[in-house]
Amino acid sequence: MPDSLIDATEPELEAGRLLFARECTFLLGAVSLDDLPDNGLPEIAFAGRSNVGKSSLINALTNRKTLARTSNTPGRTQQLNFFDLGGRL
């Protein structure tokens, strides 16, 4: 990667690594706006076209193979999935 793309200090990079290295669990799947959680925590969102690897990215970041369910069939996820990163996010 070119150095111009990285604008973080070593402590910031380590904090980011540790964020996803700790406990992470599936919280809930929301099918409507009324189902959205209201826990007051910051959120990270992954958005993208169908079948581009959003769930695989979540699994890779958390070093878990089955935290976020993956499928070879496009359009399988019909809800917003929320995960708890140890009460931090």
C-alpha atoms as a PDB file:
ATOM      1  CA  MET A   1       0.000   0.000   0.000  1.00  0.00           C
ATOM      2  CA  PRO A   2       1.315   3.458  -0.745  1.00  0.00           C
ATOM      3  CA  ASP A   3       2.146   5.423   2.405  1.00  0.00           C
ATOM      4  CA  SER A   4      -0.188   8.216   1.291  1.00  0.00           C
ATOM      5  CA  LEU A   5      -3.225   6.005   2.028  1.00  0.00           C
ATOM      6  CA  ILE A   6      -2.312   5.435   5.677  1.00  0.00           C
ATOM      7  CA  ASP A   7      -2.826   8.396   7.984  1.00  0.00           C
ATOM      8  CA  ALA A   8      -2.788   6.741  11.403  1.00  0.00           C
ATOM      9  CA  THR A   9      -0.258   6.428  14.190  1.00  0.00           C
ATOM     10  CA  GLU A  10       0.908   3.052  15.465  1.00  0.00           C
ATOM     11  CA  PRO A  11      -1.185   3.410  18.662  1.00  0.00           C
ATOM     12  CA  GLU A  12      -4.274   4.193  16.537  1.00  0.00           C
ATOM     13  CA  LEU A  13      -3.667   1.161  14.329  1.00  0.00           C
ATOM     14  CA  GLU A  14      -3.250  -1.047  17.404  1.00  0.00           C
ATOM     15  CA  ALA A  15      -6.473   0.314  18.934  1.00  0.00           C
ATOM     16  CA  GLY A  16      -8.305  -0.538  15.707  1.00  0.00           C
ATOM     17  CA  ARG A  17      -6.870  -4.045  15.692  1.00  0.00           C
ATOM     18  CA  LEU A  18      -7.855  -4.604  19.326  1.00  0.00           C
ATOM     19  CA  LEU A  19     -11.374  -3.303  18.696  1.00  0.00           C
ATOM     20  CA  PHE A  20     -12.182  -6.322  16.548  1.00  0.00           C
ATOM     21  CA  ALA A  21      -9.928  -8.783  18.425  1.00  0.00           C
ATOM     22  CA  ARG A  22     -12.088  -8.841  21.545  1.00  0.00           C
ATOM     23  CA  GLU A  23     -15.457 -10.520  22.108  1.00  0.00           C
ATOM     24  CA  CYS A  24     -17.982  -9.977  19.321  1.00  0.00           C
ATOM     25  CA  THR A  25     -21.495 -11.436  19.230  1.00  0.00           C
ATOM     26  CA  PHE A  26     -24.570 -11.248  17.013  1.00  0.00           C
ATOM     27  CA  LEU A  27     -27.040  -8.850  18.632  1.00  0.00           C
ATOM     28  CA  LEU A  28     -30.139  -8.808  16.409  1.00  0.00           C
ATOM     29  CA  GLY A  29     -31.496  -8.610  12.892  1.00  0.00           C
ATOM     30  CA  ALA A  30     -33.810  -5.656  12.205  1.00  0.00           C
ATOM     31  CA  VAL A  31     -36.397  -6.010   9.441  1.00  0.00           C
ATOM     32  CA  SER A  32     -37.988  -2.579  10.001  1.00  0.00           C
ATOM     33  CA  LEU A  33     -36.983   0.786  11.444  1.00  0.00           C
ATOM     34  CA  ASP A  34     -39.015  -0.007  14.567  1.00  0.00           C
ATOM     35  CA  ASP A  35     -36.661  -2.924  15.256  1.00  0.00           C
ATOM     36  CA  LEU A  36     -33.467  -0.828  15.324  1.00  0.00           C
ATOM     37  CA  PRO A  37     -31.571  -1.009  18.628  1.00  0.00           C
ATOM     38  CA  ASP A  38     -31.297   2.127  20.749  1.00  0.00           C
ATOM     39  CA  ASN A  39     -28.251   1.442  22.893  1.00  0.00           C
ATOM     40  CA  GLY A  40     -26.464   4.789  22.514  1.00  0.00           C
ATOM     41  CA  LEU A  41     -23.232   3.172  21.313  1.00  0.00           C
ATOM     42  CA  PRO A  42     -21.279   4.262  18.226  1.00  0.00           C
ATOM     43  CA  GLU A  43     -21.888   2.200  15.091  1.00  0.00           C
ATOM     44  CA  ILE A  44     -19.848   1.016  12.125  1.00  0.00           C
ATOM     45  CA  ALA A  45     -21.829   0.280   8.957  1.00  0.00           C
ATOM     46  CA  PHE A  46     -20.861  -1.917   6.019  1.00  0.00           C
ATOM     47  CA  ALA A  47     -22.897  -1.171   2.913  1.00  0.00           C
ATOM     48  CA  GLY A  48     -22.507  -2.491  -0.595  1.00  0.00           C
ATOM     49  CA  ARG A  49     -24.046  -4.305  -3.479  1.00  0.00           C
ATOM     50  CA  SER A  50     -25.388  -7.811  -3.153  1.00  0.00           C
ATOM     51  CA  ASN A  51     -22.860 -10.624  -2.742  1.00  0.00           C
ATOM     52  CA  VAL A  52     -19.698  -8.474  -2.567  1.00  0.00           C
ATOM     53  CA  GLY A  53     -18.309  -9.822   0.713  1.00  0.00           C
ATOM     54  CA  LYS A  54     -19.686  -7.650   3.518  1.00  0.00           C
ATOM     55  CA  SER A  55     -20.271 -10.642   5.808  1.00  0.00           C
ATOM     56  CA  SER A  56     -16.915 -12.140   4.860  1.00  0.00           C
ATOM     57  CA  LEU A  57     -15.241  -8.841   5.800  1.00  0.00           C
ATOM     58  CA  ILE A  58     -16.925  -8.864   9.218  1.00  0.00           C
ATOM     59  CA  ASN A  59     -15.789 -12.459   9.761  1.00  0.00           C
ATOM     60  CA  ALA A  60     -12.228 -11.588   8.707  1.00  0.00           C
ATOM     61  CA  LEU A  61     -12.032  -8.504  10.957  1.00  0.00           C
ATOM     62  CA  THR A  62     -13.223 -10.479  13.977  1.00  0.00           C
ATOM     63  CA  ASN A  63     -11.192 -13.589  13.093  1.00  0.00           C
ATOM     64  CA  ARG A  64     -14.377 -15.687  13.234  1.00  0.00           C
ATOM     65  CA  LYS A  65     -15.592 -17.908  10.407  1.00  0.00           C
ATOM     66  CA  THR A  66     -19.302 -17.958  11.209  1.00  0.00           C
ATOM     67  CA  LEU A  67     -20.143 -14.762  13.124  1.00  0.00           C
ATOM     68  CA  ALA A  68     -21.821 -13.157  10.106  1.00  0.00           C
ATOM     69  CA  ARG A  69     -23.653 -15.717   7.987  1.00  0.00           C
ATOM     70  CA  THR A  70     -22.439 -15.900   4.398  1.00  0.00           C
ATOM     71  CA  SER A  71     -24.121 -17.267   1.303  1.00  0.00           C
ATOM     72  CA  ASN A  72     -23.288 -17.817  -2.342  1.00  0.00           C
ATOM     73  CA  THR A  73     -26.840 -16.758  -3.222  1.00  0.00           C
ATOM     74  CA  PRO A  74     -27.154 -12.997  -3.891  1.00  0.00           C
ATOM     75  CA  GLY A  75     -29.843 -11.167  -1.934  1.00  0.00           C
ATOM     76  CA  ARG A  76     -30.121 -13.611   0.976  1.00  0.00           C
ATOM     77  CA  THR A  77     -29.817 -10.974   3.715  1.00  0.00           C
ATOM     78  CA  GLN A  78     -33.184  -9.234   4.085  1.00  0.00           C
ATOM     79  CA  GLN A  79     -32.450  -7.342   7.298  1.00  0.00           C
ATOM     80  CA  LEU A  80     -29.921  -5.100   9.014  1.00  0.00           C
ATOM     81  CA  ASN A  81     -27.705  -7.242  11.229  1.00  0.00           C
ATOM     82  CA  PHE A  82     -26.259  -5.785  14.421  1.00  0.00           C
ATOM     83  CA  PHE A  83     -23.259  -7.121  16.317  1.00  0.00           C
ATOM     84  CA  ASP A  84     -21.986  -6.196  19.777  1.00  0.00           C
ATOM     85  CA  LEU A  85     -18.247  -5.623  20.085  1.00  0.00           C
ATOM     86  CA  GLY A  86     -18.037  -6.193  23.830  1.00  0.00           C
ATOM     87  CA  GLY A  87     -20.245  -3.188  24.648  1.00  0.00           C
ATOM     88  CA  ARG A  88     -17.936  -0.798  22.777  1.00  0.00           C
ATOM     89  CA  LEU A  89     -19.815  -0.660  19.460  1.00  0.00           C
END
